[in-house]
Amino acid sequence: MEYKQIRVVCHIDDLEQVCAVMSMVDNGLMIEDYSDIDENLKTMYGDLIDEQILNADKTKAAVSIFIPDERNPAEALSHLKTRFLELEIQTSVQVIGVKEEDWAGSWKKYYKPLRIGERLVVVPAWEKYDEKPGDLILKMDPGMAFGTGTHETTRLVAMLIEKYVKQGDVCLDLGTGSGILAIAASKLGAKSVNAYDIDPVAVRVAGENVRDNGIENIVCGKSDLFCGVEEKTYDLICANIVADIIIRMLPDVKKYLKSGGILITSGIIDERADEVLKAAEATPLVHLETREEKNWCAMVFKMGE
């Protein structure tokens, strides 16, 4: 099997957060950190160390993950860049082993119709699918945006939206990516959906997918969490982001979520779940349930009366 390497260079102070974000895509991290090389020279054979390492910028570190050929490097890259934007981390990102112009196209042969939940079926725009009674088709072309339905976090949120959204709900999707979750909410009966992302490319792609699905009750826009979101209260809010950002946004949820309304969060690595729950305890939110898949979890909260 062949792999593509995604290598992210960051300031040494941001290394821990960069590792956390990249582990959302793949757990096999390769870390290049030479910040302590000078201190260790006294106890190491300095003349045996590569000169390039000795001369490396000690304020910088690099983290790499390796994506197998059947996965979409464009989706992984979009996910990483968006999360770094949200965390306000300065990085440079390089994909090694695939030409940039091939990112959005070379993976399409691996992307097939996928059922998520009881009724939702994600169908790539270029694929044919024999619709079954009761199916709700999400026609998607994610391009350079995150959200094909193949990632565990996307599937978890989609299944929870299917459970909790009600006919006539007013919904908000933060970090919409390809727009897949907003489209799911609309197809499941939401009256209207506001879908936002910090990445303008994602906003454009989401808008295109909304139009391709013939949906008229979704508005896509750019926001940094709630900054830029239409100021009204919602019946259901979903945020498939990362634990750090979810923790940061929780105190503001009460301004936007109706009493008795539902908050669905995901993008949470299981080892960070307790931190999210603890942060929620300081708000009027009541924890309803947690669902897990592999190393990921999604949490559902209800706004207290």
Protein backbone atom coordinates (compact mmCIF):
# COMPACT_ATOMS: atom_id res chain seq x y z
CA MET A 1 0.00 0.00 0.00
CA GLU A 2 1.24 3.48 -0.86
CA TYR A 3 0.90 6.53 1.40
CA LYS A 4 0.84 10.29 1.17
CA GLN A 5 2.67 12.23 3.87
CA ILE A 6 1.08 15.35 5.34
CA ARG A 7 3.79 17.34 7.14
CA VAL A 8 2.92 20.31 9.33
CA VAL A 9 5.57 22.74 10.57
CA CYS A 10 4.71 24.81 13.65
CA HIS A 11 6.27 26.82 16.47
CA ILE A 12 7.57 24.59 19.23
CA ASP A 13 5.09 26.14 21.70
CA ASP A 14 2.18 24.88 19.54
CA LEU A 15 3.50 21.34 19.13
CA GLU A 16 1.13 19.73 21.64
CA GLN A 17 -1.99 21.27 20.08
CA VAL A 18 -0.82 20.44 16.55
CA CYS A 19 -0.28 16.81 17.60
CA ALA A 20 -3.78 16.71 19.11
CA VAL A 21 -5.39 18.02 15.91
CA MET A 22 -3.39 15.72 13.64
CA SER A 23 -4.17 12.68 15.77
CA MET A 24 -7.82 13.30 14.81
CA VAL A 25 -6.86 12.29 11.27
CA ASP A 26 -4.39 9.52 12.13
CA ASN A 27 -2.80 8.25 15.33
CA GLY A 28 0.54 7.36 13.73
CA LEU A 29 2.39 10.64 14.25
CA MET A 30 6.01 11.25 13.27
CA ILE A 31 7.35 14.18 15.31
CA GLU A 32 10.49 16.16 14.48
CA ASP A 33 11.46 18.18 17.56
CA TYR A 34 15.08 19.24 18.00
CA SER A 35 14.47 21.94 20.61
CA ASP A 36 16.51 20.15 23.27
CA ILE A 37 19.36 18.99 21.06
CA ASP A 38 21.80 21.63 22.39
CA GLU A 39 21.14 20.64 25.99
CA ASN A 40 21.71 16.97 25.18
CA LEU A 41 24.99 17.54 23.34
CA LYS A 42 26.87 17.29 26.64
CA THR A 43 25.69 13.71 27.10
CA MET A 44 25.67 12.68 23.42
CA TYR A 45 28.31 12.09 20.80
CA GLY A 46 27.88 15.44 19.04
CA ASP A 47 30.12 14.52 16.13
CA LEU A 48 27.75 11.67 15.25
CA ILE A 49 24.69 13.94 14.91
CA ASP A 50 23.68 15.00 11.40
CA GLU A 51 24.80 18.56 10.69
CA GLN A 52 21.36 19.39 9.28
CA ILE A 53 19.81 18.54 12.66
CA LEU A 54 22.42 20.57 14.53
CA ASN A 55 21.67 23.60 12.35
CA ALA A 56 17.87 23.19 12.41
CA ASP A 57 15.69 26.02 13.72
CA LYS A 58 15.13 24.94 17.33
CA THR A 59 12.02 27.14 17.62
CA LYS A 60 10.23 25.00 15.01
CA ALA A 61 8.87 21.47 15.07
CA ALA A 62 7.23 19.26 12.44
CA VAL A 63 4.53 16.64 12.71
CA SER A 64 3.71 14.16 9.94
CA ILE A 65 0.92 11.69 9.32
CA PHE A 66 0.72 9.16 6.52
CA ILE A 67 -2.54 8.78 4.57
CA PRO A 68 -3.15 5.53 2.63
CA ASP A 69 -4.07 5.83 -1.03
CA GLU A 70 -7.73 4.96 -0.50
CA ARG A 71 -8.28 8.05 1.66
CA ASN A 72 -8.79 11.59 0.46
CA PRO A 73 -5.79 13.84 1.23
CA ALA A 74 -7.89 16.90 0.36
CA GLU A 75 -10.40 16.14 3.11
CA ALA A 76 -7.65 15.51 5.67
CA LEU A 77 -5.85 18.69 4.67
CA SER A 78 -9.03 20.77 4.85
CA HIS A 79 -9.79 19.35 8.28
CA LEU A 80 -6.31 20.25 9.57
CA LYS A 81 -6.19 23.75 8.12
CA THR A 82 -9.65 24.61 9.45
CA ARG A 83 -8.85 23.37 12.95
CA PHE A 84 -5.55 25.29 12.99
CA LEU A 85 -7.46 28.43 11.97
CA GLU A 86 -9.94 27.93 14.80
CA LEU A 87 -7.12 27.44 17.30
CA GLU A 88 -5.23 30.44 15.84
CA ILE A 89 -2.10 28.34 15.27
CA GLN A 90 0.34 29.45 12.58
CA THR A 91 1.48 26.48 10.50
CA SER A 92 2.82 25.56 7.08
CA VAL A 93 1.42 22.39 5.56
CA GLN A 94 2.94 20.22 2.86
CA VAL A 95 1.55 17.11 1.16
CA ILE A 96 4.28 14.77 -0.05
CA GLY A 97 3.58 12.02 -2.56
CA VAL A 98 0.68 13.55 -4.49
CA LYS A 99 0.42 16.55 -6.77
CA GLU A 100 -1.72 19.37 -5.43
CA GLU A 101 -3.83 19.47 -8.58
CA ASP A 102 -4.76 15.81 -7.97
CA TRP A 103 -5.94 16.27 -4.37
CA ALA A 104 -9.59 16.83 -5.19
CA GLY A 105 -9.86 14.15 -7.85
CA SER A 106 -7.59 11.14 -7.40
CA TRP A 107 -9.59 9.70 -4.47
CA LYS A 108 -13.04 9.76 -6.10
CA LYS A 109 -12.89 6.14 -7.24
CA TYR A 110 -12.78 5.09 -3.55
CA TYR A 111 -15.73 7.24 -2.44
CA LYS A 112 -18.95 5.20 -2.76
CA PRO A 113 -22.56 5.55 -1.50
CA LEU A 114 -22.60 5.21 2.27
CA ARG A 115 -25.51 4.71 4.68
CA ILE A 116 -25.20 6.56 7.98
CA GLY A 117 -27.97 6.01 10.47
CA GLU A 118 -31.35 4.55 9.60
CA ARG A 119 -32.40 6.74 6.67
CA LEU A 120 -29.50 8.93 5.59
CA VAL A 121 -27.50 7.83 2.55
CA VAL A 122 -24.51 9.86 1.37
CA VAL A 123 -24.16 9.56 -2.39
CA PRO A 124 -21.19 11.10 -4.25
CA ALA A 125 -22.40 13.46 -6.95
CA TRP A 126 -20.78 11.33 -9.68
CA GLU A 127 -22.18 7.99 -8.45
CA LYS A 128 -25.47 6.24 -9.22
CA TYR A 129 -27.53 4.79 -6.39
CA ASP A 130 -30.71 2.73 -6.43
CA GLU A 131 -32.82 4.53 -3.85
CA LYS A 132 -34.77 2.38 -1.39
CA PRO A 133 -38.09 3.31 0.25
CA GLY A 134 -37.50 5.71 3.13
CA ASP A 135 -34.00 6.72 2.03
CA LEU A 136 -32.99 10.36 2.42
CA ILE A 137 -30.29 11.03 -0.17
CA LEU A 138 -27.46 13.46 0.58
CA LYS A 139 -25.84 14.21 -2.76
CA MET A 140 -22.31 15.33 -1.94
CA ASP A 141 -19.19 16.59 -3.70
CA PRO A 142 -16.91 17.61 -0.80
CA GLY A 143 -14.04 18.78 -3.01
CA MET A 144 -11.52 20.51 -0.72
CA ALA A 145 -13.86 20.61 2.31
CA PHE A 146 -14.17 18.20 5.22
CA GLY A 147 -17.23 15.96 5.35
CA THR A 148 -17.83 12.90 3.21
CA GLY A 149 -19.50 10.80 5.88
CA THR A 150 -16.57 8.41 6.09
CA HIS A 151 -15.02 9.98 9.21
CA GLU A 152 -16.26 8.64 12.53
CA THR A 153 -17.11 12.09 13.91
CA THR A 154 -19.30 12.95 10.93
CA ARG A 155 -21.18 9.66 11.17
CA LEU A 156 -21.73 10.06 14.91
CA VAL A 157 -23.23 13.54 14.55
CA ALA A 158 -25.38 12.53 11.57
CA MET A 159 -26.88 9.64 13.52
CA LEU A 160 -27.56 11.90 16.51
CA ILE A 161 -29.17 14.55 14.31
CA GLU A 162 -31.40 11.79 12.94
CA LYS A 163 -32.42 10.97 16.52
CA TYR A 164 -32.94 14.47 17.90
CA VAL A 165 -34.03 16.82 15.12
CA LYS A 166 -37.78 17.48 15.01
CA GLN A 167 -40.07 18.69 12.28
CA GLY A 168 -39.93 22.49 12.15
CA ASP A 169 -36.69 22.86 14.13
CA VAL A 170 -34.45 25.88 13.60
CA CYS A 171 -30.89 24.52 13.46
CA LEU A 172 -27.33 25.80 13.55
CA ASP A 173 -24.29 23.92 12.19
CA LEU A 174 -20.93 25.28 13.38
CA GLY A 175 -17.91 24.11 11.39
CA THR A 176 -20.09 22.93 8.53
CA GLY A 177 -17.28 21.81 6.20
CA SER A 178 -18.93 20.29 3.12
CA GLY A 179 -22.37 21.10 4.55
CA ILE A 180 -23.20 17.43 5.05
CA LEU A 181 -24.70 17.81 8.54
CA ALA A 182 -26.73 20.90 7.64
CA ILE A 183 -28.15 19.05 4.63
CA ALA A 184 -28.94 16.05 6.84
CA ALA A 185 -30.85 18.28 9.28
CA SER A 186 -32.83 19.83 6.45
CA LYS A 187 -33.68 16.46 4.89
CA LEU A 188 -34.83 15.21 8.31
CA GLY A 189 -37.37 17.99 8.68
CA ALA A 190 -35.66 21.12 10.01
CA LYS A 191 -37.52 24.32 9.11
CA SER A 192 -34.27 26.20 8.54
CA VAL A 193 -30.53 25.68 9.01
CA ASN A 194 -27.76 28.24 9.38
CA ALA A 195 -24.43 26.67 8.42
CA TYR A 196 -21.12 28.39 9.21
CA ASP A 197 -17.43 27.71 8.80
CA ILE A 198 -14.26 29.70 9.42
CA ASP A 199 -12.84 28.49 6.08
CA PRO A 200 -14.20 30.42 3.06
CA VAL A 201 -13.51 27.40 0.81
CA ALA A 202 -15.77 25.29 3.01
CA VAL A 203 -18.48 27.97 2.89
CA ARG A 204 -18.37 27.92 -0.90
CA VAL A 205 -18.39 24.12 -1.14
CA ALA A 206 -21.24 23.84 1.37
CA GLY A 207 -23.27 26.33 -0.64
CA GLU A 208 -22.71 24.34 -3.81
CA ASN A 209 -23.78 21.09 -2.13
CA VAL A 210 -26.89 22.77 -0.73
CA ARG A 211 -27.86 23.94 -4.22
CA ASP A 212 -27.09 20.53 -5.77
CA ASN A 213 -29.49 18.93 -3.27
CA GLY A 214 -32.22 21.38 -4.26
CA ILE A 215 -32.47 22.77 -0.72
CA GLU A 216 -33.67 26.32 -0.14
CA ASN A 217 -33.83 26.53 3.65
CA ILE A 218 -30.07 26.47 4.40
CA VAL A 219 -28.03 29.67 4.66
CA CYS A 220 -24.23 29.29 4.52
CA GLY A 221 -21.86 31.90 5.91
CA LYS A 222 -18.45 32.55 7.43
CA SER A 223 -18.02 32.71 11.20
CA ASP A 224 -15.48 32.09 13.93
CA LEU A 225 -17.59 29.98 16.29
CA PHE A 226 -20.49 32.27 17.28
CA CYS A 227 -18.78 35.43 16.00
CA GLY A 228 -20.67 36.15 12.78
CA VAL A 229 -23.60 33.84 13.54
CA GLU A 230 -27.10 35.25 13.12
CA GLU A 231 -28.22 36.32 16.58
CA LYS A 232 -31.30 34.25 17.30
CA THR A 233 -32.07 31.15 19.35
CA TYR A 234 -31.99 27.68 17.84
CA ASP A 235 -33.73 24.38 18.62
CA LEU A 236 -30.66 22.32 17.75
CA ILE A 237 -26.98 23.21 17.42
CA CYS A 238 -24.32 20.81 16.14
CA ALA A 239 -20.57 21.40 16.28
CA ASN A 240 -18.21 18.79 14.86
CA ILE A 241 -14.98 20.56 15.73
CA VAL A 242 -12.30 19.67 18.36
CA ALA A 243 -12.37 19.40 22.14
CA ASP A 244 -10.46 22.63 22.79
CA ILE A 245 -12.83 24.67 20.63
CA ILE A 246 -15.93 23.01 22.08
CA ILE A 247 -14.73 23.84 25.60
CA ARG A 248 -14.14 27.44 24.53
CA MET A 249 -17.61 27.80 22.98
CA LEU A 250 -19.68 26.14 25.73
CA PRO A 251 -20.17 29.29 27.89
CA ASP A 252 -21.70 31.11 24.90
CA VAL A 253 -24.13 28.36 23.90
CA LYS A 254 -26.83 29.64 26.29
CA LYS A 255 -27.18 32.81 24.19
CA TYR A 256 -28.10 30.81 21.10
CA LEU A 257 -29.80 27.60 22.27
CA LYS A 258 -33.44 27.64 23.31
CA SER A 259 -34.51 26.33 26.70
CA GLY A 260 -34.87 22.58 26.19
CA GLY A 261 -32.84 22.80 22.98
CA ILE A 262 -30.26 20.20 21.94
CA LEU A 263 -26.50 20.63 21.49
CA ILE A 264 -24.63 17.88 19.63
CA THR A 265 -20.82 18.05 19.82
CA SER A 266 -18.17 15.84 18.27
CA GLY A 267 -14.58 15.83 17.09
CA ILE A 268 -13.69 14.78 20.64
CA ILE A 269 -10.92 12.24 21.18
CA ASP A 270 -12.07 9.86 23.90
CA GLU A 271 -9.25 10.87 26.24
CA ARG A 272 -10.56 14.47 26.21
CA ALA A 273 -14.18 13.54 26.93
CA ASP A 274 -13.96 14.20 30.68
CA GLU A 275 -12.63 17.71 30.03
CA VAL A 276 -15.61 18.53 27.83
CA LEU A 277 -18.04 17.14 30.41
CA LYS A 278 -16.39 19.14 33.17
CA ALA A 279 -16.62 22.35 31.11
CA ALA A 280 -20.30 21.68 30.44
CA GLU A 281 -20.99 21.32 34.17
CA ALA A 282 -20.24 25.04 34.58
CA THR A 283 -23.11 25.87 32.18
CA PRO A 284 -26.89 25.25 32.21
CA LEU A 285 -26.35 22.30 29.84
CA VAL A 286 -27.42 18.84 30.94
CA HIS A 287 -25.56 15.82 29.54
CA LEU A 288 -27.95 13.37 27.84
CA GLU A 289 -25.71 10.80 26.20
CA THR A 290 -22.32 9.99 24.72
CA ARG A 291 -21.72 7.81 21.67
CA GLU A 292 -18.35 6.36 20.75
CA GLU A 293 -16.74 4.96 17.62
CA LYS A 294 -13.12 3.87 17.63
CA ASN A 295 -11.22 6.66 19.47
CA TRP A 296 -13.92 9.28 18.95
CA CYS A 297 -16.95 10.35 20.90
CA ALA A 298 -19.95 12.61 20.33
CA MET A 299 -21.88 14.16 23.21
CA VAL A 300 -25.46 15.38 23.43
CA PHE A 301 -26.57 18.09 25.85
CA LYS A 302 -29.90 19.70 26.62
CA MET A 303 -30.26 23.33 27.63
CA GLY A 304 -31.73 23.49 31.14
CA GLU A 305 -35.09 25.09 31.70
